[in-house]
């Protein structure tokens, strides 16, 4: 096997592993609806950042509040905040993410 082919194969393997690790997330399911969102004072806009509002996180059999925070912008992408979705009798967390 020539060196150029070996380098390409290694690069493809590293890319595949890093892509799968980035998307590998635990599925979070709660047995009841989250409480109403808390009212947060949204800070003034910051150049190069998107505000990620606070949300309820399911942990140890109860909901815990996670305060809002800034996310560094990704040029060409739009921020989709995390949110809870009813799934049968349970609620499933859809993680926040960037989309094109």
N, C-alpha and C. Protein backbone atom coordinates (compact mmCIF):
# COMPACT_ATOMS: atom_id res chain seq x y z
N UNK A 1 0.87 -1.17 0.00
CA UNK A 1 0.00 0.00 0.00
C UNK A 1 0.91 1.22 0.00
N UNK A 2 0.59 2.17 -0.90
CA UNK A 2 1.46 3.34 -0.94
C UNK A 2 1.09 4.32 0.19
N UNK A 3 2.03 5.22 0.48
CA UNK A 3 1.89 6.15 1.62
C UNK A 3 0.70 7.09 1.43
N UNK A 4 0.45 7.55 0.24
CA UNK A 4 -0.65 8.49 -0.02
C UNK A 4 -2.01 7.83 0.28
N UNK A 5 -2.15 6.58 -0.14
CA UNK A 5 -3.40 5.85 0.12
C UNK A 5 -3.58 5.63 1.63
N UNK A 6 -2.51 5.28 2.32
CA UNK A 6 -2.56 5.07 3.77
C UNK A 6 -2.97 6.36 4.49
N UNK A 7 -2.41 7.49 4.10
CA UNK A 7 -2.75 8.78 4.71
C UNK A 7 -4.23 9.10 4.49
N UNK A 8 -4.72 8.85 3.27
CA UNK A 8 -6.15 9.10 2.98
C UNK A 8 -7.04 8.21 3.83
N UNK A 9 -6.69 6.95 3.98
CA UNK A 9 -7.50 6.03 4.79
C UNK A 9 -7.51 6.46 6.26
N UNK A 10 -6.36 6.84 6.78
CA UNK A 10 -6.29 7.30 8.17
C UNK A 10 -7.11 8.57 8.37
N UNK A 11 -7.02 9.49 7.45
CA UNK A 11 -7.79 10.75 7.54
C UNK A 11 -9.28 10.45 7.51
N UNK A 12 -9.71 9.56 6.65
CA UNK A 12 -11.14 9.20 6.58
C UNK A 12 -11.59 8.55 7.88
N UNK A 13 -10.76 7.71 8.45
CA UNK A 13 -11.11 7.06 9.72
C UNK A 13 -11.24 8.06 10.86
N UNK A 14 -10.31 9.00 10.93
CA UNK A 14 -10.37 10.03 11.97
C UNK A 14 -11.62 10.88 11.78
N UNK A 15 -11.93 11.26 10.56
CA UNK A 15 -13.12 12.08 10.29
C UNK A 15 -14.39 11.32 10.69
N UNK A 16 -14.45 10.04 10.37
CA UNK A 16 -15.64 9.25 10.72
C UNK A 16 -15.80 9.13 12.23
N UNK A 17 -14.70 8.90 12.93
CA UNK A 17 -14.78 8.78 14.39
C UNK A 17 -15.16 10.09 15.04
N UNK A 18 -14.60 11.20 14.57
CA UNK A 18 -14.93 12.49 15.19
C UNK A 18 -16.36 12.88 14.89
N UNK A 19 -16.87 12.57 13.71
CA UNK A 19 -18.26 12.90 13.38
C UNK A 19 -19.23 12.07 14.21
N UNK A 20 -18.95 10.79 14.38
CA UNK A 20 -19.87 9.96 15.15
C UNK A 20 -19.84 10.34 16.62
N UNK A 21 -18.69 10.71 17.16
CA UNK A 21 -18.60 11.13 18.56
C UNK A 21 -19.36 12.42 18.79
N UNK A 22 -19.35 13.32 17.81
CA UNK A 22 -20.03 14.60 17.96
C UNK A 22 -21.54 14.41 18.05
N UNK A 23 -22.07 13.39 17.39
CA UNK A 23 -23.51 13.20 17.36
C UNK A 23 -23.99 12.12 18.34
N UNK A 24 -23.07 11.43 18.98
CA UNK A 24 -23.46 10.39 19.92
C UNK A 24 -23.86 11.05 21.24
N UNK A 25 -25.15 11.07 21.51
CA UNK A 25 -25.66 11.66 22.74
C UNK A 25 -26.68 10.71 23.34
N UNK A 26 -26.73 10.73 24.66
CA UNK A 26 -27.72 9.90 25.34
C UNK A 26 -29.11 10.45 25.08
N UNK A 27 -30.08 9.57 24.94
CA UNK A 27 -31.47 9.98 24.79
C UNK A 27 -32.02 10.18 26.20
N UNK A 28 -32.52 11.38 26.46
CA UNK A 28 -33.04 11.70 27.79
C UNK A 28 -34.56 11.68 27.74
N UNK A 29 -35.17 10.85 28.58
CA UNK A 29 -36.62 10.72 28.64
C UNK A 29 -37.07 10.96 30.07
N UNK A 30 -38.10 11.79 30.23
CA UNK A 30 -38.67 12.08 31.55
C UNK A 30 -40.10 11.55 31.57
N UNK A 31 -40.57 11.08 32.71
CA UNK A 31 -41.91 10.51 32.80
C UNK A 31 -43.04 11.54 32.96
N UNK A 32 -42.68 12.80 33.03
CA UNK A 32 -43.70 13.85 33.19
C UNK A 32 -43.25 15.12 32.48
N UNK A 33 -44.20 15.98 32.17
CA UNK A 33 -43.90 17.23 31.48
C UNK A 33 -43.01 18.12 32.35
N UNK A 34 -42.13 18.89 31.72
CA UNK A 34 -41.31 19.82 32.50
C UNK A 34 -42.17 20.96 33.03
N UNK A 35 -41.73 21.59 34.13
CA UNK A 35 -42.44 22.78 34.62
C UNK A 35 -42.38 23.90 33.57
N UNK A 36 -43.17 24.92 33.78
CA UNK A 36 -43.12 26.08 32.89
C UNK A 36 -41.72 26.69 32.96
N UNK A 37 -41.25 27.21 31.83
CA UNK A 37 -39.92 27.83 31.80
C UNK A 37 -39.88 29.02 32.76
N UNK A 38 -38.75 29.22 33.37
CA UNK A 38 -38.55 30.38 34.23
C UNK A 38 -38.36 31.62 33.38
N UNK A 39 -38.74 32.76 33.92
CA UNK A 39 -38.52 34.02 33.21
C UNK A 39 -37.09 34.45 33.48
N UNK A 40 -36.33 34.63 32.41
CA UNK A 40 -34.95 35.06 32.53
C UNK A 40 -34.78 36.42 31.87
N UNK A 41 -33.97 37.26 32.44
CA UNK A 41 -33.63 38.52 31.79
C UNK A 41 -32.60 38.21 30.72
N UNK A 42 -32.98 38.41 29.46
CA UNK A 42 -32.06 38.13 28.35
C UNK A 42 -31.12 39.32 28.22
N UNK A 43 -29.82 39.09 28.28
CA UNK A 43 -28.87 40.19 28.16
C UNK A 43 -28.92 40.83 26.77
N UNK A 44 -28.41 42.05 26.64
CA UNK A 44 -28.36 42.68 25.32
C UNK A 44 -27.56 41.82 24.34
N UNK A 45 -27.86 41.93 23.05
CA UNK A 45 -27.14 41.12 22.05
C UNK A 45 -25.62 41.31 22.14
N UNK A 46 -24.91 40.24 21.84
CA UNK A 46 -23.45 40.25 21.81
C UNK A 46 -23.00 39.83 20.43
N UNK A 47 -22.19 40.65 19.80
CA UNK A 47 -21.69 40.33 18.45
C UNK A 47 -20.95 38.99 18.47
N UNK A 48 -21.33 38.11 17.55
CA UNK A 48 -20.65 36.82 17.43
C UNK A 48 -21.19 35.73 18.34
N UNK A 49 -22.31 36.03 19.06
CA UNK A 49 -22.86 35.05 19.98
C UNK A 49 -24.38 34.95 19.83
N UNK A 50 -24.91 33.78 20.14
CA UNK A 50 -26.36 33.55 20.17
C UNK A 50 -26.73 33.21 21.61
N UNK A 51 -27.85 33.74 22.09
CA UNK A 51 -28.30 33.46 23.45
C UNK A 51 -29.05 32.14 23.46
N UNK A 52 -28.66 31.25 24.36
CA UNK A 52 -29.34 29.97 24.55
C UNK A 52 -30.12 30.10 25.86
N UNK A 53 -31.43 30.22 25.76
CA UNK A 53 -32.27 30.42 26.95
C UNK A 53 -32.16 29.25 27.91
N UNK A 54 -32.47 29.52 29.17
CA UNK A 54 -32.45 28.48 30.18
C UNK A 54 -33.51 27.42 29.90
N UNK A 55 -33.34 26.25 30.48
CA UNK A 55 -34.28 25.16 30.26
C UNK A 55 -34.24 24.20 31.45
N UNK A 56 -35.22 23.34 31.50
CA UNK A 56 -35.26 22.30 32.54
C UNK A 56 -34.50 21.08 32.05
N UNK A 57 -33.67 20.52 32.93
CA UNK A 57 -32.91 19.30 32.64
C UNK A 57 -33.41 18.21 33.57
N UNK A 58 -33.58 17.00 33.05
CA UNK A 58 -34.02 15.86 33.85
C UNK A 58 -32.80 15.15 34.40
N UNK A 59 -32.73 15.03 35.73
CA UNK A 59 -31.60 14.34 36.36
C UNK A 59 -32.03 13.80 37.72
N UNK A 60 -31.63 12.58 38.00
CA UNK A 60 -31.92 11.96 39.31
C UNK A 60 -33.40 11.97 39.66
N UNK A 61 -34.25 11.75 38.66
CA UNK A 61 -35.69 11.65 38.91
C UNK A 61 -36.41 12.96 39.14
N UNK A 62 -35.80 14.08 38.75
CA UNK A 62 -36.47 15.38 38.90
C UNK A 62 -35.91 16.37 37.89
N UNK A 63 -36.64 17.47 37.72
CA UNK A 63 -36.19 18.53 36.83
C UNK A 63 -35.31 19.52 37.59
N UNK A 64 -34.23 19.94 36.95
CA UNK A 64 -33.33 20.94 37.49
C UNK A 64 -33.20 22.07 36.47
N UNK A 65 -33.18 23.31 36.93
CA UNK A 65 -33.08 24.45 36.01
C UNK A 65 -31.63 24.68 35.60
N UNK A 66 -31.43 24.89 34.29
CA UNK A 66 -30.13 25.24 33.73
C UNK A 66 -30.26 26.66 33.21
N UNK A 67 -29.47 27.58 33.73
CA UNK A 67 -29.56 28.99 33.33
C UNK A 67 -29.12 29.18 31.88
N UNK A 68 -29.65 30.24 31.26
CA UNK A 68 -29.27 30.57 29.89
C UNK A 68 -27.80 30.96 29.81
N UNK A 69 -27.26 30.87 28.61
CA UNK A 69 -25.85 31.20 28.39
C UNK A 69 -25.62 31.54 26.93
N UNK A 70 -24.46 32.08 26.64
CA UNK A 70 -24.10 32.45 25.27
C UNK A 70 -23.46 31.27 24.55
N UNK A 71 -23.79 31.15 23.25
CA UNK A 71 -23.17 30.17 22.36
C UNK A 71 -22.41 30.95 21.29
N UNK A 72 -21.18 30.56 21.01
CA UNK A 72 -20.42 31.20 19.95
C UNK A 72 -21.08 30.90 18.60
N UNK A 73 -21.31 31.94 17.80
CA UNK A 73 -21.97 31.78 16.50
C UNK A 73 -21.10 30.93 15.57
N UNK A 74 -21.79 30.23 14.68
CA UNK A 74 -21.13 29.50 13.60
C UNK A 74 -21.62 30.12 12.30
N UNK A 75 -20.74 30.77 11.56
CA UNK A 75 -21.15 31.43 10.32
C UNK A 75 -21.90 30.46 9.39
N UNK A 76 -23.03 30.93 8.87
CA UNK A 76 -23.83 30.11 7.96
C UNK A 76 -24.79 29.18 8.66
N UNK A 77 -24.85 29.20 9.99
CA UNK A 77 -25.73 28.32 10.75
C UNK A 77 -26.71 29.13 11.59
N UNK A 78 -27.77 28.48 12.01
CA UNK A 78 -28.77 29.09 12.88
C UNK A 78 -28.91 28.21 14.11
N UNK A 79 -29.05 28.85 15.29
CA UNK A 79 -29.14 28.14 16.57
C UNK A 79 -30.56 27.66 16.81
N UNK A 80 -30.72 26.39 17.13
CA UNK A 80 -32.01 25.81 17.50
C UNK A 80 -31.91 25.41 18.97
N UNK A 81 -32.65 26.10 19.85
CA UNK A 81 -32.55 25.79 21.28
C UNK A 81 -33.05 24.37 21.59
N UNK A 82 -32.53 23.80 22.65
CA UNK A 82 -33.00 22.50 23.11
C UNK A 82 -34.44 22.64 23.60
N UNK A 83 -35.20 21.57 23.51
CA UNK A 83 -36.61 21.63 23.93
C UNK A 83 -37.13 20.22 24.23
N UNK A 84 -38.20 20.19 25.03
CA UNK A 84 -38.86 18.93 25.38
C UNK A 84 -39.99 18.66 24.41
N UNK A 85 -40.16 17.38 24.02
CA UNK A 85 -41.22 16.96 23.10
C UNK A 85 -41.96 15.79 23.75
N UNK A 86 -43.30 15.88 23.74
CA UNK A 86 -44.10 14.78 24.26
C UNK A 86 -43.90 13.57 23.37
N UNK A 87 -43.68 12.42 23.99
CA UNK A 87 -43.45 11.17 23.26
C UNK A 87 -44.24 10.08 23.97
N UNK A 88 -45.49 9.90 23.57
CA UNK A 88 -46.37 8.98 24.29
C UNK A 88 -46.65 9.57 25.66
N UNK A 89 -46.55 8.76 26.71
CA UNK A 89 -46.79 9.29 28.06
C UNK A 89 -45.56 10.01 28.64
N UNK A 90 -44.44 9.93 27.94
CA UNK A 90 -43.18 10.51 28.42
C UNK A 90 -42.82 11.77 27.66
N UNK A 91 -41.72 12.39 28.08
CA UNK A 91 -41.19 13.59 27.42
C UNK A 91 -39.74 13.33 27.07
N UNK A 92 -39.38 13.68 25.83
CA UNK A 92 -38.02 13.45 25.35
C UNK A 92 -37.31 14.78 25.10
N UNK A 93 -36.07 14.88 25.53
CA UNK A 93 -35.28 16.09 25.35
C UNK A 93 -34.62 16.08 23.97
N UNK A 94 -34.81 17.16 23.21
CA UNK A 94 -34.14 17.34 21.92
C UNK A 94 -33.03 18.36 22.18
N UNK A 95 -31.77 17.92 22.11
CA UNK A 95 -30.66 18.83 22.43
C UNK A 95 -30.58 20.02 21.49
N UNK A 96 -30.07 21.12 22.01
CA UNK A 96 -29.83 22.31 21.18
C UNK A 96 -28.78 21.96 20.13
N UNK A 97 -28.87 22.62 18.98
CA UNK A 97 -27.93 22.32 17.91
C UNK A 97 -27.93 23.44 16.87
N UNK A 98 -26.93 23.42 16.02
CA UNK A 98 -26.82 24.37 14.92
C UNK A 98 -27.31 23.69 13.63
N UNK A 99 -28.03 24.43 12.81
CA UNK A 99 -28.47 23.91 11.51
C UNK A 99 -28.12 24.92 10.42
N UNK A 100 -27.92 24.41 9.24
CA UNK A 100 -27.64 25.30 8.07
C UNK A 100 -28.93 25.81 7.51
